[in-house]
Protein backbone atom coordinates (compact mmCIF):
# COMPACT_ATOMS: atom_id res chain seq x y z
CA UNK A 1 0.02 0.06 0.04
CA UNK A 2 1.35 3.44 -0.83
CA UNK A 3 0.25 6.67 0.63
CA UNK A 4 0.06 10.33 -0.79
CA UNK A 5 3.00 12.26 0.34
CA UNK A 6 0.96 15.45 0.21
CA UNK A 7 -2.27 14.48 2.20
CA UNK A 8 -1.48 11.06 3.53
CA UNK A 9 -4.47 9.32 1.90
CA UNK A 10 -4.04 5.79 0.31
CA UNK A 11 -3.02 5.94 -3.35
CA UNK A 12 -5.32 4.10 -5.78
CA UNK A 13 -3.94 2.22 -8.94
CA UNK A 14 -5.04 3.22 -12.45
CA UNK A 15 -3.71 0.32 -14.63
CA UNK A 16 -2.80 0.79 -18.28
CA UNK A 17 -5.63 -1.51 -19.19
CA UNK A 18 -8.22 1.12 -17.79
CA UNK A 19 -7.94 3.17 -21.12
CA UNK A 20 -5.12 5.37 -20.27
CA UNK A 21 -3.96 7.48 -23.23
CA UNK A 22 -0.14 6.94 -22.76
CA UNK A 23 -0.74 3.21 -21.96
CA UNK A 24 1.06 3.67 -18.60
CA UNK A 25 -0.14 2.60 -15.14
CA UNK A 26 -0.12 5.09 -12.30
CA UNK A 27 -0.86 5.52 -8.58
CA UNK A 28 -3.12 8.51 -7.95
CA UNK A 29 -4.64 10.26 -4.98
CA UNK A 30 -8.49 10.62 -5.08
CA UNK A 31 -8.21 13.75 -2.72
CA UNK A 32 -5.57 15.89 -4.09
CA UNK A 33 -3.84 16.04 -7.67
CA UNK A 34 -0.87 13.70 -6.72
CA UNK A 35 0.04 11.22 -9.51
CA UNK A 36 2.96 8.67 -9.48
CA UNK A 37 3.48 7.24 -12.85
CA UNK A 38 4.78 3.73 -12.79
CA UNK A 39 7.83 3.26 -15.18
CA UNK A 40 9.07 -0.09 -13.85
CA UNK A 41 7.80 -3.02 -12.21
CA UNK A 42 6.71 -2.26 -8.53
CA UNK A 43 7.03 -5.02 -6.02
CA UNK A 44 7.28 -4.75 -2.27
CA UNK A 45 7.41 -7.79 0.02
CA UNK A 46 6.89 -7.39 3.63
CA UNK A 47 7.06 -10.54 5.85
CA UNK A 48 4.26 -11.21 8.14
CA UNK A 49 5.47 -11.63 11.67
CA UNK A 50 2.98 -13.56 13.78
CA UNK A 51 2.47 -12.31 17.21
CA UNK A 52 2.98 -14.97 20.06
CA UNK A 53 0.93 -15.25 23.02
CA UNK A 54 2.19 -12.75 25.51
CA UNK A 55 2.49 -14.06 29.15
CA UNK A 56 2.05 -10.63 30.46
CA UNK A 57 -1.62 -10.88 29.54
CA UNK A 58 -1.77 -13.49 32.38
CA UNK A 59 0.21 -11.46 34.98
CA UNK A 60 3.54 -12.18 33.81
CA UNK A 61 6.02 -14.92 34.99
CA UNK A 62 5.11 -14.20 38.60
CA UNK A 63 1.46 -15.18 38.02
CA UNK A 64 2.56 -18.42 36.28
CA UNK A 65 4.70 -19.33 39.39
CA UNK A 66 1.66 -19.03 41.58
CA UNK A 67 -0.54 -21.16 39.17
CA UNK A 68 -1.60 -24.61 40.01
CA UNK A 69 0.20 -27.66 38.17
CA UNK A 70 -1.73 -30.40 36.34
CA UNK A 71 -1.04 -33.43 34.20
CA UNK A 72 -1.11 -32.24 30.70
CA UNK A 73 1.04 -33.19 27.64
CA UNK A 74 2.90 -30.28 25.94
CA UNK A 75 2.44 -30.24 22.21
CA UNK A 76 6.06 -29.06 21.75
CA UNK A 77 8.28 -31.22 24.01
CA UNK A 78 5.73 -33.89 25.17
CA UNK A 79 6.58 -33.16 28.91
CA UNK A 80 3.61 -34.39 30.94
CA UNK A 81 3.21 -31.51 33.59
CA UNK A 82 2.22 -27.92 33.04
CA UNK A 83 1.06 -24.92 35.09
CA UNK A 84 -2.59 -23.79 34.23
CA UNK A 85 -5.05 -20.88 34.74
CA UNK A 86 -8.70 -20.75 33.90
CA UNK A 87 -9.99 -17.46 32.60
CA UNK A 88 -13.45 -16.35 31.34
CA UNK A 89 -12.51 -14.74 28.03
CA UNK A 90 -15.98 -15.07 26.21
CA UNK A 91 -19.49 -14.24 27.51
CA UNK A 92 -20.61 -15.63 30.67
CA UNK A 93 -22.78 -18.35 28.94
CA UNK A 94 -19.70 -19.49 27.23
CA UNK A 95 -17.28 -22.15 29.12
CA UNK A 96 -14.02 -20.86 30.63
CA UNK A 97 -10.77 -21.15 28.68
CA UNK A 98 -7.87 -23.08 30.26
CA UNK A 99 -4.36 -21.87 29.64
CA UNK A 100 -1.50 -24.04 30.09
CA UNK A 101 2.36 -23.36 30.28
CA UNK A 102 4.70 -26.25 30.06
CA UNK A 103 6.98 -26.54 33.09
CA UNK A 104 9.88 -27.74 30.86
CA UNK A 105 9.85 -25.53 27.80
CA UNK A 106 7.48 -22.78 28.61
CA UNK A 107 5.19 -23.52 25.49
CA UNK A 108 1.75 -21.91 25.87
CA UNK A 109 -1.51 -23.41 24.72
CA UNK A 110 -5.24 -23.11 25.53
CA UNK A 111 -8.34 -25.23 25.75
CA UNK A 112 -12.02 -24.47 26.20
CA UNK A 113 -13.39 -26.23 29.27
CA UNK A 114 -16.42 -28.44 28.41
CA UNK A 115 -19.92 -27.12 29.64
CA UNK A 116 -21.68 -29.18 32.27
């Protein structure tokens, strides 16, 4: 996505196949008169960085030290014990969600608790 350097609005693409007289594609601003003619192929790759679960949402490392332990297999290292917390993240009529943290490798995962 490109933005207008004059008014900061998103630039729109007018391709050569849209009936342009000079058969040249361009980016243009629909708010002001800014035009950026495309002379060469334009390619921009931006890697998507996935956000990992942040333990601070659960109160940080100290909260996990106070959490109860249970038998639960880690999906990463297959260790058999984990700390866990139950938190109501959805509406009250939805079941609580259990969050687990592996004691060995600190991998985090969650599981919805079955309704009774």
